[in-house]
Amino acid sequence: MSPTHDTVILDVDGTLADTNYLHTLAWARAFARVDLHPPMWQLHRAIGMGGDKLVAAVAGDGAEQEHGDALREAWEEEYAELLPEVRLLPGARDLVLALADRGLTVVLASSGKEQFTQHVLDLLDLPEGALAAQASSDEAEESKPEPDVLEVALDKVGEGSALLVGDTPYDVAAAAKVGAPCAAVLTGGFGDEELSRAGAVIVVDSPAALVDLPSQTWADLLHAVPPEHAATTFSPLPDPPSKAGSGS
């Protein structure tokens, strides 16, 4: 039997907080500032990877070279304007508390900026000790689907074996690269079949559904291993355009 995972790493955007579509809107407005207009469905399907990868993924290398830093700065400004609209997903707070009550080490790890993760923490309003640590993209060299932010999270709690709860194929891939299985929720807007195909060991509707899982199912998850193919990112995006302006 595989070793028991005694740490659960929780993604934030799309997993605990209903933010993926707000991020999509913020990116669309950022791109519009430089007269680029990639379709919003493509932007949505890139949410979950970091901004260091998103620009090229949806608008091509030319857009990254010409506008990358300006777009990331614009996204941060646009998303900050949307923060008052951020809401927790059903069961988000209950999930953190239930995991802590099981005696598990609970860590947050987000590809988002630390200030935005802190906003979600304020909404969660957790009692002292419920979270062991938190990590954000500000502390990681590369963002998901690379595993850097997960490695930072594990280093902070001195653990090497964990289960990730996430909502995108990028979460599944990042987890697998550190040998962690990924339990996926549908609240980020990705489908059951594609999350399963990416290598998620279970897919459920929401954080609330995870709270309601039978004890035996949780025991199975805490002994699960990621399938071998999960470390290879299942791309939910079409090939990006080759020229900066072709996303319009």
C-alpha atoms as a PDB file:
ATOM      1  CA  MET A   1       0.000   0.000   0.000  1.00  0.00           C
ATOM      2  CA  SER A   2       1.223   3.518  -0.737  1.00  0.00           C
ATOM      3  CA  PRO A   3       2.143   5.757   2.215  1.00  0.00           C
ATOM      4  CA  THR A   4      -0.615   7.802   3.784  1.00  0.00           C
ATOM      5  CA  HIS A   5      -0.714  11.443   2.725  1.00  0.00           C
ATOM      6  CA  ASP A   6      -0.945  13.442   5.929  1.00  0.00           C
ATOM      7  CA  THR A   7      -1.018  16.818   4.188  1.00  0.00           C
ATOM      8  CA  VAL A   8      -3.767  18.291   2.004  1.00  0.00           C
ATOM      9  CA  ILE A   9      -2.840  21.196  -0.243  1.00  0.00           C
ATOM     10  CA  LEU A  10      -5.807  23.333  -1.265  1.00  0.00           C
ATOM     11  CA  ASP A  11      -5.824  25.400  -4.420  1.00  0.00           C
ATOM     12  CA  VAL A  12      -7.637  28.719  -3.977  1.00  0.00           C
ATOM     13  CA  ASP A  13      -9.064  30.143  -7.221  1.00  0.00           C
ATOM     14  CA  GLY A  14     -11.916  28.019  -8.525  1.00  0.00           C
ATOM     15  CA  THR A  15     -11.517  25.564  -5.636  1.00  0.00           C
ATOM     16  CA  LEU A  16     -12.308  27.575  -2.509  1.00  0.00           C
ATOM     17  CA  ALA A  17     -13.346  30.865  -4.109  1.00  0.00           C
ATOM     18  CA  ASP A  18     -15.628  31.457  -7.100  1.00  0.00           C
ATOM     19  CA  THR A  19     -13.064  33.515  -8.989  1.00  0.00           C
ATOM     20  CA  ASN A  20     -12.257  31.834 -12.299  1.00  0.00           C
ATOM     21  CA  TYR A  21     -14.769  33.828 -14.310  1.00  0.00           C
ATOM     22  CA  LEU A  22     -13.719  37.045 -12.587  1.00  0.00           C
ATOM     23  CA  HIS A  23     -10.134  36.288 -13.586  1.00  0.00           C
ATOM     24  CA  THR A  24     -11.361  35.675 -17.125  1.00  0.00           C
ATOM     25  CA  LEU A  25     -13.019  39.086 -17.192  1.00  0.00           C
ATOM     26  CA  ALA A  26      -9.958  40.789 -15.718  1.00  0.00           C
ATOM     27  CA  TRP A  27      -7.711  39.233 -18.372  1.00  0.00           C
ATOM     28  CA  ALA A  28     -10.126  40.173 -21.163  1.00  0.00           C
ATOM     29  CA  ARG A  29     -10.078  43.790 -19.997  1.00  0.00           C
ATOM     30  CA  ALA A  30      -6.283  43.713 -19.712  1.00  0.00           C
ATOM     31  CA  PHE A  31      -5.897  42.414 -23.272  1.00  0.00           C
ATOM     32  CA  ALA A  32      -8.350  45.026 -24.534  1.00  0.00           C
ATOM     33  CA  ARG A  33      -6.021  47.741 -23.231  1.00  0.00           C
ATOM     34  CA  VAL A  34      -3.520  46.737 -25.926  1.00  0.00           C
ATOM     35  CA  ASP A  35      -6.228  46.118 -28.534  1.00  0.00           C
ATOM     36  CA  LEU A  36      -6.033  42.328 -28.320  1.00  0.00           C
ATOM     37  CA  HIS A  37      -9.242  40.358 -27.934  1.00  0.00           C
ATOM     38  CA  PRO A  38      -8.713  36.616 -27.446  1.00  0.00           C
ATOM     39  CA  PRO A  39     -12.096  34.882 -27.040  1.00  0.00           C
ATOM     40  CA  MET A  40     -13.191  34.737 -23.435  1.00  0.00           C
ATOM     41  CA  TRP A  41     -13.735  30.972 -23.578  1.00  0.00           C
ATOM     42  CA  GLN A  42     -10.029  30.594 -24.366  1.00  0.00           C
ATOM     43  CA  LEU A  43      -9.088  32.918 -21.538  1.00  0.00           C
ATOM     44  CA  HIS A  44     -11.241  30.919 -19.146  1.00  0.00           C
ATOM     45  CA  ARG A  45      -9.578  27.675 -20.129  1.00  0.00           C
ATOM     46  CA  ALA A  46      -6.170  29.179 -19.397  1.00  0.00           C
ATOM     47  CA  ILE A  47      -7.163  30.179 -15.861  1.00  0.00           C
ATOM     48  CA  GLY A  48      -5.242  27.970 -13.477  1.00  0.00           C
ATOM     49  CA  MET A  49      -1.884  28.470 -15.124  1.00  0.00           C
ATOM     50  CA  GLY A  50       0.072  31.500 -13.995  1.00  0.00           C
ATOM     51  CA  GLY A  51       0.219  34.836 -15.748  1.00  0.00           C
ATOM     52  CA  ASP A  52       3.805  34.090 -16.749  1.00  0.00           C
ATOM     53  CA  LYS A  53       2.417  31.444 -19.120  1.00  0.00           C
ATOM     54  CA  LEU A  54      -1.098  32.646 -19.891  1.00  0.00           C
ATOM     55  CA  VAL A  55      -0.315  35.479 -22.310  1.00  0.00           C
ATOM     56  CA  ALA A  56       1.615  33.314 -24.760  1.00  0.00           C
ATOM     57  CA  ALA A  57      -0.834  30.432 -24.319  1.00  0.00           C
ATOM     58  CA  VAL A  58      -3.841  32.435 -25.483  1.00  0.00           C
ATOM     59  CA  ALA A  59      -2.331  35.152 -27.701  1.00  0.00           C
ATOM     60  CA  GLY A  60       0.990  33.770 -28.921  1.00  0.00           C
ATOM     61  CA  ASP A  61       4.657  34.397 -28.297  1.00  0.00           C
ATOM     62  CA  GLY A  62       4.515  37.734 -30.101  1.00  0.00           C
ATOM     63  CA  ALA A  63       1.967  39.064 -27.623  1.00  0.00           C
ATOM     64  CA  GLU A  64       4.126  37.890 -24.739  1.00  0.00           C
ATOM     65  CA  GLN A  65       7.235  39.545 -26.146  1.00  0.00           C
ATOM     66  CA  GLU A  66       5.514  42.823 -26.936  1.00  0.00           C
ATOM     67  CA  HIS A  67       2.988  43.173 -24.126  1.00  0.00           C
ATOM     68  CA  GLY A  68       3.585  40.451 -21.519  1.00  0.00           C
ATOM     69  CA  ASP A  69       4.631  42.544 -18.530  1.00  0.00           C
ATOM     70  CA  ALA A  70       2.111  45.291 -19.302  1.00  0.00           C
ATOM     71  CA  LEU A  71      -0.681  42.729 -19.584  1.00  0.00           C
ATOM     72  CA  ARG A  72       0.162  41.137 -16.249  1.00  0.00           C
ATOM     73  CA  GLU A  73       0.207  44.559 -14.594  1.00  0.00           C
ATOM     74  CA  ALA A  74      -3.107  45.438 -16.222  1.00  0.00           C
ATOM     75  CA  TRP A  75      -4.660  42.116 -15.141  1.00  0.00           C
ATOM     76  CA  GLU A  76      -3.627  42.796 -11.547  1.00  0.00           C
ATOM     77  CA  GLU A  77      -5.253  46.230 -11.664  1.00  0.00           C
ATOM     78  CA  GLU A  78      -8.434  44.923 -13.295  1.00  0.00           C
ATOM     79  CA  TYR A  79      -8.780  42.003 -10.901  1.00  0.00           C
ATOM     80  CA  ALA A  80      -8.266  44.246  -7.877  1.00  0.00           C
ATOM     81  CA  GLU A  81     -11.325  46.199  -9.043  1.00  0.00           C
ATOM     82  CA  LEU A  82     -13.345  42.959  -9.021  1.00  0.00           C
ATOM     83  CA  LEU A  83     -12.332  41.784  -5.535  1.00  0.00           C
ATOM     84  CA  PRO A  84     -15.586  42.963  -3.893  1.00  0.00           C
ATOM     85  CA  GLU A  85     -17.412  40.453  -6.109  1.00  0.00           C
ATOM     86  CA  VAL A  86     -15.405  37.431  -4.909  1.00  0.00           C
ATOM     87  CA  ARG A  87     -17.458  34.846  -3.024  1.00  0.00           C
ATOM     88  CA  LEU A  88     -16.535  31.582  -1.354  1.00  0.00           C
ATOM     89  CA  LEU A  89     -17.734  28.397  -3.012  1.00  0.00           C
ATOM     90  CA  PRO A  90     -20.228  26.161  -1.181  1.00  0.00           C
ATOM     91  CA  GLY A  91     -18.488  24.176   1.526  1.00  0.00           C
ATOM     92  CA  ALA A  92     -15.128  25.947   1.208  1.00  0.00           C
ATOM     93  CA  ARG A  93     -14.769  26.881   4.868  1.00  0.00           C
ATOM     94  CA  ASP A  94     -16.297  23.592   6.023  1.00  0.00           C
ATOM     95  CA  LEU A  95     -13.742  21.676   3.958  1.00  0.00           C
ATOM     96  CA  VAL A  96     -10.777  23.389   5.598  1.00  0.00           C
ATOM     97  CA  LEU A  97     -12.212  22.787   9.058  1.00  0.00           C
ATOM     98  CA  ALA A  98     -13.125  19.162   8.319  1.00  0.00           C
ATOM     99  CA  LEU A  99      -9.613  18.396   7.090  1.00  0.00           C
ATOM    100  CA  ALA A 100      -8.061  20.031  10.143  1.00  0.00           C
ATOM    101  CA  ASP A 101     -10.458  18.073  12.401  1.00  0.00           C
ATOM    102  CA  ARG A 102      -9.167  14.864  10.803  1.00  0.00           C
ATOM    103  CA  GLY A 103      -5.712  15.793  12.042  1.00  0.00           C
ATOM    104  CA  LEU A 104      -4.430  16.556   8.556  1.00  0.00           C
ATOM    105  CA  THR A 105      -1.967  19.329   7.810  1.00  0.00           C
ATOM    106  CA  VAL A 106      -3.815  21.840   5.611  1.00  0.00           C
ATOM    107  CA  VAL A 107      -1.916  24.220   3.333  1.00  0.00           C
ATOM    108  CA  LEU A 108      -3.123  26.738   0.737  1.00  0.00           C
ATOM    109  CA  ALA A 109      -1.204  27.010  -2.529  1.00  0.00           C
ATOM    110  CA  SER A 110      -2.274  29.443  -5.224  1.00  0.00           C
ATOM    111  CA  SER A 111      -0.972  30.565  -8.614  1.00  0.00           C
ATOM    112  CA  GLY A 112      -2.475  33.957  -7.757  1.00  0.00           C
ATOM    113  CA  LYS A 113      -0.861  36.938  -6.106  1.00  0.00           C
ATOM    114  CA  GLU A 114      -0.472  36.890  -2.341  1.00  0.00           C
ATOM    115  CA  GLN A 115      -2.743  39.921  -1.882  1.00  0.00           C
ATOM    116  CA  PHE A 116      -5.586  38.119  -3.665  1.00  0.00           C
ATOM    117  CA  THR A 117      -5.042  34.920  -1.689  1.00  0.00           C
ATOM    118  CA  GLN A 118      -5.180  36.990   1.492  1.00  0.00           C
ATOM    119  CA  HIS A 119      -8.575  38.347   0.439  1.00  0.00           C
ATOM    120  CA  VAL A 120      -9.916  34.783   0.234  1.00  0.00           C
ATOM    121  CA  LEU A 121      -8.386  34.016   3.624  1.00  0.00           C
ATOM    122  CA  ASP A 122     -10.239  36.975   5.073  1.00  0.00           C
ATOM    123  CA  LEU A 123     -13.490  35.594   3.651  1.00  0.00           C
ATOM    124  CA  LEU A 124     -12.761  32.143   5.085  1.00  0.00           C
ATOM    125  CA  ASP A 125     -12.271  33.659   8.558  1.00  0.00           C
ATOM    126  CA  LEU A 126     -10.621  30.500   9.869  1.00  0.00           C
ATOM    127  CA  PRO A 127      -9.814  29.841  13.515  1.00  0.00           C
ATOM    128  CA  GLU A 128      -6.175  29.930  14.520  1.00  0.00           C
ATOM    129  CA  GLY A 129      -4.394  26.706  13.685  1.00  0.00           C
ATOM    130  CA  ALA A 130      -6.772  25.513  10.970  1.00  0.00           C
ATOM    131  CA  LEU A 131      -4.167  26.304   8.309  1.00  0.00           C
ATOM    132  CA  ALA A 132      -0.562  25.245   8.706  1.00  0.00           C
ATOM    133  CA  ALA A 133       0.780  27.523   5.954  1.00  0.00           C
ATOM    134  CA  GLN A 134       0.045  29.241   2.676  1.00  0.00           C
ATOM    135  CA  ALA A 135       2.032  29.730  -0.525  1.00  0.00           C
ATOM    136  CA  SER A 136       1.464  31.950  -3.546  1.00  0.00           C
ATOM    137  CA  SER A 137       2.974  32.526  -6.959  1.00  0.00           C
ATOM    138  CA  ASP A 138       5.019  35.382  -5.487  1.00  0.00           C
ATOM    139  CA  GLU A 139       7.173  32.718  -3.799  1.00  0.00           C
ATOM    140  CA  ALA A 140       7.500  30.380  -6.779  1.00  0.00           C
ATOM    141  CA  GLU A 141       9.869  30.613  -9.729  1.00  0.00           C
ATOM    142  CA  GLU A 142       7.371  29.097 -12.168  1.00  0.00           C
ATOM    143  CA  SER A 143       3.599  28.760 -11.986  1.00  0.00           C
ATOM    144  CA  LYS A 144       1.303  25.806 -12.631  1.00  0.00           C
ATOM    145  CA  PRO A 145       1.393  23.419 -14.401  1.00  0.00           C
ATOM    146  CA  GLU A 146       4.939  23.479 -12.996  1.00  0.00           C
ATOM    147  CA  PRO A 147       4.954  22.295  -9.378  1.00  0.00           C
ATOM    148  CA  ASP A 148       6.992  25.124  -7.820  1.00  0.00           C
ATOM    149  CA  VAL A 149       4.228  26.587  -5.639  1.00  0.00           C
ATOM    150  CA  LEU A 150       3.353  23.105  -4.344  1.00  0.00           C
ATOM    151  CA  GLU A 151       6.996  22.500  -3.469  1.00  0.00           C
ATOM    152  CA  VAL A 152       7.056  25.791  -1.571  1.00  0.00           C
ATOM    153  CA  ALA A 153       3.914  24.731   0.312  1.00  0.00           C
ATOM    154  CA  LEU A 154       5.387  21.349   1.225  1.00  0.00           C
ATOM    155  CA  ASP A 155       8.677  22.888   2.304  1.00  0.00           C
ATOM    156  CA  LYS A 156       6.835  25.244   4.647  1.00  0.00           C
ATOM    157  CA  VAL A 157       5.302  22.344   6.574  1.00  0.00           C
ATOM    158  CA  GLY A 158       8.224  19.944   6.198  1.00  0.00           C
ATOM    159  CA  GLU A 159       6.158  17.306   4.418  1.00  0.00           C
ATOM    160  CA  GLY A 160       6.833  15.271   1.300  1.00  0.00           C
ATOM    161  CA  SER A 161       3.542  13.468   0.697  1.00  0.00           C
ATOM    162  CA  ALA A 162       0.282  15.220   0.023  1.00  0.00           C
ATOM    163  CA  LEU A 163      -3.103  15.200  -1.668  1.00  0.00           C
ATOM    164  CA  LEU A 164      -3.996  18.278  -3.730  1.00  0.00           C
ATOM    165  CA  VAL A 165      -7.532  19.577  -4.104  1.00  0.00           C
ATOM    166  CA  GLY A 166      -7.808  21.624  -7.292  1.00  0.00           C
ATOM    167  CA  ASP A 167     -10.087  22.492 -10.195  1.00  0.00           C
ATOM    168  CA  THR A 168      -8.049  22.529 -13.407  1.00  0.00           C
ATOM    169  CA  PRO A 169      -5.907  20.185 -15.512  1.00  0.00           C
ATOM    170  CA  TYR A 170      -2.973  22.417 -14.546  1.00  0.00           C
ATOM    171  CA  ASP A 171      -3.526  21.474 -10.893  1.00  0.00           C
ATOM    172  CA  VAL A 172      -3.577  17.785 -11.797  1.00  0.00           C
ATOM    173  CA  ALA A 173      -0.282  18.047 -13.695  1.00  0.00           C
ATOM    174  CA  ALA A 174       1.470  20.128 -11.043  1.00  0.00           C
ATOM    175  CA  ALA A 175       0.416  17.699  -8.315  1.00  0.00           C
ATOM    176  CA  ALA A 176       1.600  14.658 -10.251  1.00  0.00           C
ATOM    177  CA  LYS A 177       5.031  16.238 -10.721  1.00  0.00           C
ATOM    178  CA  VAL A 178       5.525  16.083  -6.936  1.00  0.00           C
ATOM    179  CA  GLY A 179       3.967  12.618  -6.712  1.00  0.00           C
ATOM    180  CA  ALA A 180       0.679  13.900  -5.337  1.00  0.00           C
ATOM    181  CA  PRO A 181      -2.774  12.754  -6.430  1.00  0.00           C
ATOM    182  CA  CYS A 182      -5.323  15.449  -7.239  1.00  0.00           C
ATOM    183  CA  ALA A 183      -8.946  15.462  -6.140  1.00  0.00           C
ATOM    184  CA  ALA A 184     -10.761  17.791  -8.521  1.00  0.00           C
ATOM    185  CA  VAL A 185     -13.858  19.934  -8.130  1.00  0.00           C
ATOM    186  CA  LEU A 186     -16.027  21.150 -11.000  1.00  0.00           C
ATOM    187  CA  THR A 187     -16.350  24.676  -9.628  1.00  0.00           C
ATOM    188  CA  GLY A 188     -13.579  26.050 -11.840  1.00  0.00           C
ATOM    189  CA  GLY A 189     -15.584  25.400 -14.991  1.00  0.00           C
ATOM    190  CA  PHE A 190     -13.667  22.392 -16.353  1.00  0.00           C
ATOM    191  CA  GLY A 191     -15.613  19.230 -17.132  1.00  0.00           C
ATOM    192  CA  ASP A 192     -15.755  15.915 -15.292  1.00  0.00           C
ATOM    193  CA  GLU A 193     -14.427  13.930 -18.247  1.00  0.00           C
ATOM    194  CA  GLU A 194     -11.491  16.207 -19.008  1.00  0.00           C
ATOM    195  CA  LEU A 195     -10.406  16.388 -15.374  1.00  0.00           C
ATOM    196  CA  SER A 196     -10.578  12.589 -15.152  1.00  0.00           C
ATOM    197  CA  ARG A 197      -8.687  12.261 -18.425  1.00  0.00           C
ATOM    198  CA  ALA A 198      -6.033  14.628 -17.106  1.00  0.00           C
ATOM    199  CA  GLY A 199      -5.489  12.230 -14.197  1.00  0.00           C
ATOM    200  CA  ALA A 200      -7.645  13.436 -11.290  1.00  0.00           C
ATOM    201  CA  VAL A 201      -8.211  10.555  -8.874  1.00  0.00           C
ATOM    202  CA  ILE A 202     -11.742  11.753  -8.094  1.00  0.00           C
ATOM    203  CA  VAL A 203     -13.989  14.493  -9.482  1.00  0.00           C
ATOM    204  CA  VAL A 204     -16.832  15.974  -7.429  1.00  0.00           C
ATOM    205  CA  ASP A 205     -19.183  18.917  -7.796  1.00  0.00           C
ATOM    206  CA  SER A 206     -17.853  21.240  -5.114  1.00  0.00           C
ATOM    207  CA  PRO A 207     -15.920  21.571  -1.850  1.00  0.00           C
ATOM    208  CA  ALA A 208     -19.174  20.721  -0.078  1.00  0.00           C
ATOM    209  CA  ALA A 209     -19.263  17.369  -1.891  1.00  0.00           C
ATOM    210  CA  LEU A 210     -15.766  16.596  -0.587  1.00  0.00           C
ATOM    211  CA  VAL A 211     -16.889  17.320   2.958  1.00  0.00           C
ATOM    212  CA  ASP A 212     -19.725  14.816   2.514  1.00  0.00           C
ATOM    213  CA  LEU A 213     -17.574  11.955   1.197  1.00  0.00           C
ATOM    214  CA  PRO A 214     -17.714   8.737   3.254  1.00  0.00           C
ATOM    215  CA  SER A 215     -14.781   8.067   5.567  1.00  0.00           C
ATOM    216  CA  GLN A 216     -13.645   5.115   3.461  1.00  0.00           C
ATOM    217  CA  THR A 217     -13.482   7.292   0.357  1.00  0.00           C
ATOM    218  CA  TRP A 218     -11.294   9.757   2.224  1.00  0.00           C
ATOM    219  CA  ALA A 219      -9.091   6.904   3.393  1.00  0.00           C
ATOM    220  CA  ASP A 220      -8.706   5.799  -0.233  1.00  0.00           C
ATOM    221  CA  LEU A 221      -7.833   9.343  -1.339  1.00  0.00           C
ATOM    222  CA  LEU A 222      -5.182   9.626   1.346  1.00  0.00           C
ATOM    223  CA  HIS A 223      -3.514   6.492  -0.055  1.00  0.00           C
ATOM    224  CA  ALA A 224      -4.009   7.334  -3.739  1.00  0.00           C
ATOM    225  CA  VAL A 225      -1.213   7.766  -6.251  1.00  0.00           C
ATOM    226  CA  PRO A 226      -1.446   9.862  -9.425  1.00  0.00           C
ATOM    227  CA  PRO A 227      -1.601   7.952 -12.705  1.00  0.00           C
ATOM    228  CA  GLU A 228       1.643   8.092 -14.666  1.00  0.00           C
ATOM    229  CA  HIS A 229       0.189  10.213 -17.464  1.00  0.00           C
ATOM    230  CA  ALA A 230      -1.021  12.927 -15.063  1.00  0.00           C
ATOM    231  CA  ALA A 231       2.378  14.647 -14.981  1.00  0.00           C
ATOM    232  CA  THR A 232       1.993  15.437 -18.689  1.00  0.00           C
ATOM    233  CA  THR A 233      -0.320  18.433 -18.912  1.00  0.00           C
ATOM    234  CA  PHE A 234      -3.552  17.720 -20.720  1.00  0.00           C
ATOM    235  CA  SER A 235      -3.953  20.929 -22.720  1.00  0.00           C
ATOM    236  CA  PRO A 236      -7.467  22.380 -22.661  1.00  0.00           C
ATOM    237  CA  LEU A 237      -6.432  25.111 -25.112  1.00  0.00           C
ATOM    238  CA  PRO A 238      -6.101  25.246 -28.889  1.00  0.00           C
ATOM    239  CA  ASP A 239      -2.725  26.226 -30.318  1.00  0.00           C
ATOM    240  CA  PRO A 240      -2.114  29.951 -29.769  1.00  0.00           C
ATOM    241  CA  PRO A 241      -1.901  32.329 -32.736  1.00  0.00           C
ATOM    242  CA  SER A 242       1.549  32.932 -34.151  1.00  0.00           C
ATOM    243  CA  LYS A 243       1.154  36.710 -34.342  1.00  0.00           C
ATOM    244  CA  ALA A 244       0.354  39.141 -31.565  1.00  0.00           C
ATOM    245  CA  GLY A 245      -2.707  40.591 -33.262  1.00  0.00           C
ATOM    246  CA  SER A 246      -4.350  37.406 -34.460  1.00  0.00           C
ATOM    247  CA  GLY A 247      -6.310  36.896 -31.252  1.00  0.00           C
ATOM    248  CA  SER A 248      -8.553  39.807 -32.094  1.00  0.00           C
END
